[in-house]
Amino acid sequence: MNLFGKIIFRKLKSTEAFEQEKDDLLRAYERYRAIENSELLQEYKALRKEVKSAAFKENKKVLINRKFEDTEEYRNWKKFHKLEKNCKLHRYYTIAASKELAAFLDFKGTPQYEFIGNKLELKKSETLREFRAYEKSKDYKLYTRFHDSYVIKEYERLKAVVSSNGFVEFKEFWSDPHRWTKTDAYKQEEKFRQLSQHTDIVFYQRTDPASFAFHANWKLAFNDEFNGVSLDRKIWDNGYFFTDPTLIRNYSLTQHNQANNQGKNVSVADGCMVIETLKEETRARAWDEKLGFVFHDFAYTSDVINAGAAFQFSEGIAEVKLKVRDGYITHVFSLVSENKLPQINVFHFDGKHVTVGNAWKEGSQTEIVKGISPSDFYIYKVEWTSEELIWSVNNLEIFRTRKGVPSIPLFPLFASIVDKNQDDTGVLEVDWVRIYQKRNA
């Protein structure tokens, strides 16, 4: 699939918009994961489970609608107050506390009590006549009626019940029309309501986790944002990479018109890595396919850098944001091995056309990317699986193939080259490079 001019490229998002979308998505994903692992969300979920439960809802309904009059406690309270209004009951307690009753009960326990019904003895003793009169009195009859009766026992029981702290609190609670707002359940519901309006919870609830499929499935395994003041030497080396440390790495090729300048033409400033190709004559070590290493005269200097010692990977996604300016020479961002092949060109500019493609022992393929200007920043990407390679620019797929898919680890390489048919200077500007791999890989 190729980009046939500007008509198709109407589908292409601007680099600024596409990058902003990517950055926003990453920030949203990081925020979503942070909330997902937060105590705030755990508290919200626990409260939601509680306040949405059938038991909580039923309890709330009871607390709001039930009244003191609907309770067994109310029935006890009502019975007590009915008894409390009984004047005979009050008279009983007056009698029970009287000196007259006490004196009579004491007398009743003496041997003299047996003569209280003897007429002869009554005539002889005024005291006996007085106790006889008390025994026949309405007060004593009322006393004997209530003493140790069910009524007194029930009254005493109810009095103990309604005067207890628990009953008083119960009555106050169920008599209060605003009782729901004074419960722990109400506090839970209010806390849940507040958390439901928390910006993080609202964000979490409204966000579809499926929108984070990329970040959920892919992890950033390698990147350089070039935010320093010089090239990070823990990541990048000058020249070419070989596993054997005895092999020469800093050299040029006689078929090119530029000498690779051991990193002197590489700089980092304003958040970009720059490889600048200059017109300056120099003599440098170069590899000649027939003669081997020779010293060769070059009309230009430039550079090549690689991350072979720092990072190599098999399968994944490689992205780079870059542009070229000034002149018509070759600039490359590739995934390579220490051998010449295989190679994946994520971005290749030959001075005229931007191309993508790959090369392997048995062949190569190149696809021209039309409708874009290499002098503008674009985000170039290749997705490398075991079965195919898929290239895209910003949000738009431009080419895919199942041919020549590498099966060995590769590493990133940047180079600016003055090819044998070129005679110019130029600049490659790289804003960032990122490589992702499957999280389960």
Protein backbone atom coordinates (compact mmCIF):
# COMPACT_ATOMS: atom_id res chain seq x y z
CA MET A 1 0.00 0.00 0.00
CA ASN A 2 1.41 3.39 -0.96
CA LEU A 3 0.35 6.97 -0.35
CA PHE A 4 -0.83 8.22 -3.67
CA GLY A 5 -0.52 11.95 -3.24
CA LYS A 6 -2.33 14.49 -1.17
CA ILE A 7 -5.81 13.06 -1.72
CA ILE A 8 -5.00 10.04 0.43
CA PHE A 9 -3.01 12.19 2.83
CA ARG A 10 -6.11 14.07 3.80
CA LYS A 11 -6.53 11.11 6.15
CA LEU A 12 -3.14 11.82 7.69
CA LYS A 13 -3.26 13.69 10.96
CA SER A 14 -0.83 16.51 11.39
CA THR A 15 2.26 15.51 13.31
CA GLU A 16 1.46 18.02 16.02
CA ALA A 17 -2.08 16.68 16.44
CA PHE A 18 -0.97 13.05 16.23
CA GLU A 19 1.81 13.49 18.77
CA GLN A 20 -0.50 15.42 21.10
CA GLU A 21 -2.99 12.58 20.82
CA LYS A 22 -0.27 10.05 21.64
CA ASP A 23 0.98 12.10 24.59
CA ASP A 24 -2.54 12.64 25.89
CA LEU A 25 -3.26 8.93 25.64
CA LEU A 26 -0.07 8.06 27.52
CA ARG A 27 -0.83 10.56 30.27
CA ALA A 28 -4.40 9.26 30.49
CA TYR A 29 -3.13 5.67 30.68
CA GLU A 30 -0.63 6.53 33.42
CA ARG A 31 -3.34 8.41 35.32
CA TYR A 32 -5.79 5.51 34.87
CA ARG A 33 -3.24 2.99 36.18
CA ALA A 34 -2.31 5.23 39.11
CA ILE A 35 -5.99 5.55 40.07
CA GLU A 36 -6.51 1.84 39.52
CA ASN A 37 -3.85 1.08 42.14
CA SER A 38 -4.87 3.86 44.54
CA GLU A 39 -6.41 3.62 48.00
CA LEU A 40 -8.95 6.18 46.79
CA LEU A 41 -10.42 3.77 44.24
CA GLN A 42 -10.34 0.86 46.68
CA GLU A 43 -12.31 2.95 49.18
CA TYR A 44 -14.75 4.01 46.45
CA LYS A 45 -15.31 0.42 45.31
CA ALA A 46 -15.83 -0.80 48.86
CA LEU A 47 -18.35 1.97 49.55
CA ARG A 48 -20.11 1.40 46.24
CA LYS A 49 -20.48 -2.29 47.02
CA GLU A 50 -21.91 -1.39 50.42
CA VAL A 51 -24.32 1.42 49.49
CA LYS A 52 -25.56 -0.37 46.38
CA SER A 53 -26.30 -3.59 48.26
CA ALA A 54 -29.89 -4.70 48.86
CA ALA A 55 -29.24 -4.84 52.60
CA PHE A 56 -28.05 -1.22 52.69
CA LYS A 57 -31.02 -0.01 50.66
CA GLU A 58 -33.47 -1.90 52.87
CA ASN A 59 -31.81 -0.55 56.01
CA LYS A 60 -32.03 2.98 54.64
CA LYS A 61 -35.70 2.54 53.83
CA VAL A 62 -36.38 1.33 57.37
CA LEU A 63 -34.40 4.17 58.93
CA ILE A 64 -36.24 6.80 56.90
CA ASN A 65 -39.78 5.42 57.05
CA ARG A 66 -39.98 3.64 60.40
CA LYS A 67 -41.21 5.58 63.44
CA PHE A 68 -40.94 5.11 67.18
CA GLU A 69 -44.63 4.19 67.22
CA ASP A 70 -43.81 1.19 65.01
CA THR A 71 -41.47 -0.43 67.52
CA GLU A 72 -41.82 -2.89 70.37
CA GLU A 73 -40.08 -0.30 72.54
CA TYR A 74 -42.94 2.09 71.88
CA ARG A 75 -45.44 -0.51 73.01
CA ASN A 76 -43.48 -0.94 76.23
CA TRP A 77 -43.29 2.81 76.67
CA LYS A 78 -47.03 3.16 76.11
CA LYS A 79 -47.87 0.40 78.61
CA PHE A 80 -45.58 2.00 81.18
CA HIS A 81 -47.21 5.37 80.83
CA LYS A 82 -50.66 3.81 81.10
CA LEU A 83 -49.64 2.23 84.37
CA GLU A 84 -47.93 5.43 85.38
CA LYS A 85 -51.33 7.19 85.21
CA ASN A 86 -52.99 4.62 87.49
CA CYS A 87 -53.74 6.50 90.75
CA LYS A 88 -54.26 3.28 92.72
CA LEU A 89 -50.77 2.14 91.65
CA HIS A 90 -49.31 5.39 92.92
CA ARG A 91 -51.35 5.00 96.15
CA TYR A 92 -49.88 1.49 96.53
CA TYR A 93 -46.34 2.87 96.53
CA THR A 94 -47.36 5.53 99.07
CA ILE A 95 -48.82 2.88 101.33
CA ALA A 96 -45.85 0.58 100.85
CA ALA A 97 -43.54 3.35 102.04
CA SER A 98 -45.74 4.37 105.02
CA LYS A 99 -44.90 3.98 108.73
CA GLU A 100 -48.34 2.55 109.35
CA LEU A 101 -47.76 -0.39 107.04
CA ALA A 102 -44.29 -0.93 108.37
CA ALA A 103 -45.60 -0.98 111.96
CA PHE A 104 -48.41 -3.35 111.01
CA LEU A 105 -46.09 -5.72 109.20
CA ASP A 106 -43.77 -5.76 112.21
CA PHE A 107 -46.74 -6.47 114.48
CA LYS A 108 -47.88 -9.18 112.12
CA GLY A 109 -44.66 -10.97 112.79
CA THR A 110 -45.24 -11.06 116.57
CA PRO A 111 -47.19 -13.67 118.64
CA GLN A 112 -49.73 -10.97 119.51
CA TYR A 113 -51.02 -11.00 115.92
CA GLU A 114 -52.94 -14.26 116.57
CA PHE A 115 -55.24 -12.35 119.00
CA ILE A 116 -56.23 -9.73 116.38
CA GLY A 117 -59.50 -11.55 115.79
CA ASN A 118 -60.22 -12.30 119.49
CA LYS A 119 -63.03 -10.04 120.77
CA LEU A 120 -62.01 -10.37 124.41
CA GLU A 121 -58.42 -9.44 123.66
CA LEU A 122 -59.56 -6.54 121.46
CA LYS A 123 -61.53 -5.10 124.38
CA LYS A 124 -58.47 -5.29 126.61
CA SER A 125 -55.93 -3.68 124.14
CA GLU A 126 -56.25 -0.40 122.30
CA THR A 127 -53.09 -1.26 120.24
CA LEU A 128 -54.68 -4.47 119.09
CA ARG A 129 -57.85 -2.58 118.11
CA GLU A 130 -55.73 -0.09 116.08
CA PHE A 131 -53.94 -2.85 114.17
CA ARG A 132 -57.31 -4.58 113.64
CA ALA A 133 -58.69 -1.38 112.17
CA TYR A 134 -55.65 -0.98 109.86
CA GLU A 135 -55.98 -4.54 108.62
CA LYS A 136 -59.58 -3.78 107.68
CA SER A 137 -58.67 -0.44 106.04
CA LYS A 138 -58.90 0.36 102.28
CA ASP A 139 -55.17 1.12 102.24
CA TYR A 140 -54.18 -2.29 103.48
CA LYS A 141 -56.62 -3.98 101.13
CA LEU A 142 -55.10 -1.99 98.24
CA TYR A 143 -51.66 -2.99 99.39
CA THR A 144 -52.50 -6.68 99.51
CA ARG A 145 -54.15 -6.43 96.11
CA PHE A 146 -51.05 -5.06 94.37
CA HIS A 147 -48.24 -6.49 96.49
CA ASP A 148 -46.20 -9.05 94.57
CA SER A 149 -48.77 -8.95 91.75
CA TYR A 150 -48.18 -9.18 87.98
CA VAL A 151 -49.14 -5.53 87.68
CA ILE A 152 -46.39 -4.40 90.06
CA LYS A 153 -43.83 -6.74 88.50
CA GLU A 154 -44.72 -5.50 85.01
CA TYR A 155 -44.64 -1.89 86.13
CA GLU A 156 -41.23 -2.37 87.74
CA ARG A 157 -39.96 -4.13 84.62
CA LEU A 158 -41.26 -1.43 82.31
CA LYS A 159 -39.92 1.32 84.55
CA ALA A 160 -36.45 -0.26 84.41
CA VAL A 161 -36.72 -0.60 80.64
CA VAL A 162 -37.87 2.93 79.82
CA SER A 163 -35.46 4.57 82.26
CA SER A 164 -32.39 2.78 80.87
CA ASN A 165 -29.86 4.79 78.84
CA GLY A 166 -30.32 2.48 75.89
CA PHE A 167 -34.09 3.00 75.81
CA VAL A 168 -33.76 6.76 76.16
CA GLU A 169 -31.30 6.87 73.27
CA PHE A 170 -33.49 4.52 71.22
CA LYS A 171 -36.56 6.69 71.79
CA GLU A 172 -34.69 9.89 70.97
CA PHE A 173 -33.29 8.34 67.80
CA TRP A 174 -36.55 6.91 66.45
CA SER A 175 -38.48 10.03 67.41
CA ASP A 176 -36.08 12.23 65.45
CA PRO A 177 -37.37 12.94 61.89
CA HIS A 178 -33.76 13.59 60.83
CA ARG A 179 -32.43 10.33 62.26
CA TRP A 180 -31.13 9.03 58.87
CA THR A 181 -28.62 11.86 58.64
CA LYS A 182 -27.19 10.91 62.03
CA THR A 183 -26.36 7.31 61.15
CA ASP A 184 -23.05 5.75 60.11
CA ALA A 185 -24.84 4.45 57.02
CA TYR A 186 -25.65 8.03 56.01
CA LYS A 187 -22.00 8.99 56.50
CA GLN A 188 -21.01 6.09 54.25
CA GLU A 189 -23.49 7.18 51.60
CA GLU A 190 -22.26 10.78 51.80
CA LYS A 191 -18.66 9.66 51.52
CA PHE A 192 -19.58 7.56 48.50
CA ARG A 193 -21.36 10.54 46.93
CA GLN A 194 -18.32 12.76 47.50
CA LEU A 195 -15.96 10.15 46.05
CA SER A 196 -18.30 9.70 43.08
CA GLN A 197 -17.73 13.38 42.28
CA HIS A 198 -13.95 13.24 42.78
CA THR A 199 -12.21 14.17 39.53
CA ASP A 200 -10.09 11.01 39.54
CA ILE A 201 -13.06 8.74 40.14
CA VAL A 202 -15.13 10.52 37.48
CA PHE A 203 -12.21 10.14 35.05
CA TYR A 204 -11.82 6.46 35.92
CA GLN A 205 -15.53 5.73 35.59
CA ARG A 206 -15.89 7.53 32.27
CA THR A 207 -12.77 6.05 30.70
CA ASP A 208 -13.02 2.94 28.56
CA PRO A 209 -9.94 0.82 29.36
CA ALA A 210 -10.14 -0.55 25.84
CA SER A 211 -8.81 2.82 24.66
CA PHE A 212 -5.51 1.88 26.34
CA ALA A 213 -5.09 -1.32 24.38
CA PHE A 214 -1.73 -0.19 23.02
CA HIS A 215 -0.19 0.71 26.37
CA ALA A 216 -1.81 -2.29 28.04
CA ASN A 217 -0.18 -4.64 25.50
CA TRP A 218 3.08 -2.84 24.83
CA LYS A 219 5.83 -1.60 27.13
CA LEU A 220 8.45 1.01 26.33
CA ALA A 221 11.67 -1.00 26.14
CA PHE A 222 14.03 1.61 24.70
CA ASN A 223 13.85 5.35 24.17
CA ASP A 224 15.81 8.54 23.94
CA GLU A 225 14.02 11.88 24.04
CA PHE A 226 17.31 13.79 23.50
CA ASN A 227 16.59 16.25 26.29
CA GLY A 228 20.17 16.54 27.46
CA VAL A 229 23.02 18.71 26.28
CA SER A 230 24.99 15.92 24.61
CA LEU A 231 24.51 12.44 23.26
CA ASP A 232 23.91 9.81 25.93
CA ARG A 233 26.99 7.61 25.64
CA LYS A 234 25.35 4.90 27.73
CA ILE A 235 23.02 4.38 24.78
CA TRP A 236 24.85 5.45 21.63
CA ASP A 237 28.24 4.62 20.13
CA ASN A 238 29.87 6.23 17.12
CA GLY A 239 30.37 4.17 14.00
CA TYR A 240 29.27 0.58 13.62
CA PHE A 241 28.65 -2.18 16.16
CA PHE A 242 30.39 -5.53 16.39
CA THR A 243 30.20 -8.06 19.17
CA ASP A 244 33.94 -8.69 18.84
CA PRO A 245 35.63 -5.76 20.64
CA THR A 246 38.81 -6.20 18.59
CA LEU A 247 37.08 -5.22 15.35
CA ILE A 248 37.37 -1.62 14.13
CA ARG A 249 34.11 0.30 14.58
CA ASN A 250 34.92 3.87 13.54
CA TYR A 251 35.49 3.87 9.83
CA SER A 252 33.97 5.10 6.56
CA LEU A 253 33.21 3.47 3.23
CA THR A 254 35.11 4.33 0.05
CA GLN A 255 31.92 4.16 -2.01
CA HIS A 256 30.59 7.19 -0.08
CA ASN A 257 31.69 10.79 -0.36
CA GLN A 258 31.68 11.48 3.40
CA ALA A 259 33.97 10.43 6.21
CA ASN A 260 32.25 9.32 9.42
CA ASN A 261 33.71 11.76 11.90
CA GLN A 262 33.72 9.72 15.17
CA GLY A 263 30.77 11.60 16.61
CA LYS A 264 32.11 15.10 16.04
CA ASN A 265 29.22 15.91 13.70
CA VAL A 266 26.60 14.79 16.25
CA SER A 267 25.10 17.23 18.71
CA VAL A 268 22.12 17.47 21.06
CA ALA A 269 20.32 20.75 21.63
CA ASP A 270 16.76 22.04 22.07
CA GLY A 271 15.44 18.52 22.54
CA CYS A 272 16.81 17.17 19.27
CA MET A 273 19.70 15.03 18.18
CA VAL A 274 21.36 16.47 15.06
CA ILE A 275 23.69 14.84 12.57
CA GLU A 276 25.21 17.57 10.42
CA THR A 277 26.95 16.79 7.16
CA LEU A 278 29.61 19.38 6.35
CA LYS A 279 31.66 20.13 3.28
CA GLU A 280 35.21 19.75 4.58
CA GLU A 281 38.05 17.73 3.17
CA THR A 282 39.53 15.08 5.37
CA ARG A 283 41.52 11.89 5.20
CA ALA A 284 40.11 8.97 7.15
CA ARG A 285 40.20 5.23 7.57
CA ALA A 286 37.79 3.59 5.13
CA TRP A 287 36.69 0.15 4.10
CA ASP A 288 37.17 -0.75 0.46
CA GLU A 289 35.39 -3.89 -0.75
CA LYS A 290 38.47 -4.94 -2.77
CA LEU A 291 41.37 -3.59 -0.70
CA GLY A 292 40.02 -3.80 2.84
CA PHE A 293 40.91 -0.94 5.20
CA VAL A 294 42.69 1.98 3.53
CA PHE A 295 43.12 5.69 4.21
CA HIS A 296 40.92 7.60 1.84
CA ASP A 297 40.35 11.28 0.99
CA PHE A 298 36.80 12.57 1.49
CA ALA A 299 35.18 15.88 0.53
CA TYR A 300 32.58 15.76 3.35
CA THR A 301 32.28 14.75 6.98
CA SER A 302 29.23 13.27 8.66
CA ASP A 303 28.43 10.56 11.21
CA VAL A 304 26.72 7.31 12.05
CA ILE A 305 25.60 6.27 15.55
CA ASN A 306 24.19 2.99 16.82
CA ALA A 307 22.76 1.49 20.03
CA GLY A 308 23.98 -2.06 19.41
CA ALA A 309 25.79 -2.39 22.74
CA ALA A 310 22.88 -0.93 24.71
CA PHE A 311 19.81 -2.52 23.17
CA GLN A 312 18.93 -5.26 20.72
CA PHE A 313 15.49 -6.78 20.24
CA SER A 314 13.46 -9.22 18.19
CA GLU A 315 9.95 -8.11 17.22
CA GLY A 316 8.30 -4.97 18.47
CA ILE A 317 7.43 -1.45 17.40
CA ALA A 318 10.03 1.18 16.52
CA GLU A 319 8.98 4.83 16.23
CA VAL A 320 10.97 7.92 15.42
CA LYS A 321 10.09 11.58 15.02
CA LEU A 322 12.47 13.30 12.63
CA LYS A 323 12.97 15.59 9.66
CA VAL A 324 15.76 16.58 7.29
CA ARG A 325 16.79 20.06 6.27
CA ASP A 326 19.28 21.68 3.91
CA GLY A 327 20.70 19.82 0.95
CA TYR A 328 20.01 16.65 -0.94
CA ILE A 329 21.88 13.78 0.63
CA THR A 330 20.90 10.46 2.24
CA HIS A 331 19.59 10.13 5.80
CA VAL A 332 18.66 6.82 7.43
CA PHE A 333 17.03 5.43 10.53
CA SER A 334 17.29 1.67 10.38
CA LEU A 335 17.12 -1.45 12.46
CA VAL A 336 20.25 -3.42 11.67
CA SER A 337 22.50 -6.24 12.85
CA GLU A 338 26.26 -6.32 13.00
CA ASN A 339 26.15 -8.14 9.70
CA LYS A 340 25.20 -6.26 6.57
CA LEU A 341 21.79 -7.97 6.44
CA PRO A 342 18.96 -8.17 7.41
CA GLN A 343 17.98 -4.50 7.66
CA ILE A 344 14.71 -2.66 8.19
CA ASN A 345 14.56 0.93 7.00
CA VAL A 346 12.08 2.77 9.19
CA PHE A 347 13.00 5.98 7.37
CA HIS A 348 15.20 6.46 4.34
CA PHE A 349 15.69 9.67 2.35
CA ASP A 350 17.88 9.46 -0.74
CA GLY A 351 17.92 13.20 -1.42
CA LYS A 352 14.76 12.97 -3.52
CA HIS A 353 12.32 10.53 -2.02
CA VAL A 354 11.32 9.26 1.38
CA THR A 355 11.16 5.48 1.33
CA VAL A 356 10.64 2.56 3.68
CA GLY A 357 11.51 -1.08 3.15
CA ASN A 358 13.74 -3.94 4.11
CA ALA A 359 16.59 -6.01 2.77
CA TRP A 360 17.66 -9.57 3.40
CA LYS A 361 20.10 -12.04 1.91
CA GLU A 362 17.86 -13.04 -0.97
CA GLY A 363 16.43 -9.64 -1.86
CA SER A 364 15.07 -6.26 -0.90
CA GLN A 365 11.99 -4.09 -1.33
CA THR A 366 11.49 -0.35 -1.20
CA GLU A 367 8.30 1.66 -1.07
CA ILE A 368 8.23 5.38 -1.91
CA VAL A 369 6.20 7.51 0.51
CA LYS A 370 4.46 10.22 -1.51
CA GLY A 371 2.61 13.29 -0.38
CA ILE A 372 4.84 14.37 2.52
CA SER A 373 7.79 16.72 2.79
CA PRO A 374 10.93 15.33 4.44
CA SER A 375 11.66 18.82 5.77
CA ASP A 376 8.65 18.55 8.11
CA PHE A 377 8.55 16.48 11.28
CA TYR A 378 6.69 13.18 10.92
CA ILE A 379 6.44 10.14 13.13
CA TYR A 380 7.66 7.08 11.25
CA LYS A 381 6.85 3.64 12.63
CA VAL A 382 7.43 0.00 11.84
CA GLU A 383 5.69 -2.87 13.61
CA TRP A 384 7.75 -6.03 13.42
CA THR A 385 6.09 -9.37 14.16
CA SER A 386 7.23 -12.88 13.45
CA GLU A 387 5.10 -12.88 10.31
CA GLU A 388 5.16 -9.39 8.83
CA LEU A 389 6.44 -5.83 8.83
CA ILE A 390 4.00 -2.89 8.83
CA TRP A 391 5.14 0.69 8.22
CA SER A 392 3.14 3.85 8.94
CA VAL A 393 3.54 7.62 8.96
CA ASN A 394 1.70 9.36 11.79
CA ASN A 395 -1.61 7.52 11.93
CA LEU A 396 -1.62 6.09 8.43
CA GLU A 397 -0.36 2.69 7.29
CA ILE A 398 1.76 2.98 4.16
CA PHE A 399 3.23 -0.46 3.50
CA ARG A 400 3.27 -4.01 4.81
CA THR A 401 5.06 -7.17 3.76
CA ARG A 402 5.60 -10.78 4.78
CA LYS A 403 8.83 -11.04 2.78
CA GLY A 404 12.23 -10.93 4.40
CA VAL A 405 10.95 -10.62 7.97
CA PRO A 406 14.05 -10.76 10.21
CA SER A 407 14.38 -13.57 12.74
CA ILE A 408 17.45 -12.27 14.57
CA PRO A 409 17.87 -9.37 17.03
CA LEU A 410 18.39 -5.92 15.52
CA PHE A 411 19.36 -2.54 16.97
CA PRO A 412 18.69 1.12 16.00
CA LEU A 413 21.11 3.08 13.82
CA PHE A 414 21.10 6.67 12.51
CA ALA A 415 23.30 7.79 9.64
CA SER A 416 23.72 10.70 7.24
CA ILE A 417 25.47 9.80 4.00
CA VAL A 418 26.78 11.61 0.91
CA ASP A 419 26.32 8.87 -1.64
CA LYS A 420 28.58 8.42 -4.66
CA ASN A 421 26.14 10.33 -6.92
CA GLN A 422 25.53 13.13 -4.37
CA ASP A 423 27.46 16.33 -3.77
CA ASP A 424 25.84 18.37 -1.00
CA THR A 425 25.54 18.98 2.73
CA GLY A 426 22.52 18.39 4.97
CA VAL A 427 21.13 18.00 8.45
CA LEU A 428 19.14 15.21 10.10
CA GLU A 429 17.09 16.28 13.15
CA VAL A 430 15.69 13.61 15.46
CA ASP A 431 13.24 14.66 18.17
CA TRP A 432 12.93 11.23 19.78
CA VAL A 433 13.14 7.48 19.20
CA ARG A 434 11.08 4.84 21.02
CA ILE A 435 10.93 1.08 20.81
CA TYR A 436 8.12 -0.98 22.33
CA GLN A 437 7.84 -4.70 22.98
CA LYS A 438 4.93 -6.93 23.98
CA ARG A 439 4.35 -6.97 27.74
CA ASN A 440 3.97 -10.72 27.74
CA ALA A 441 7.06 -11.23 25.61
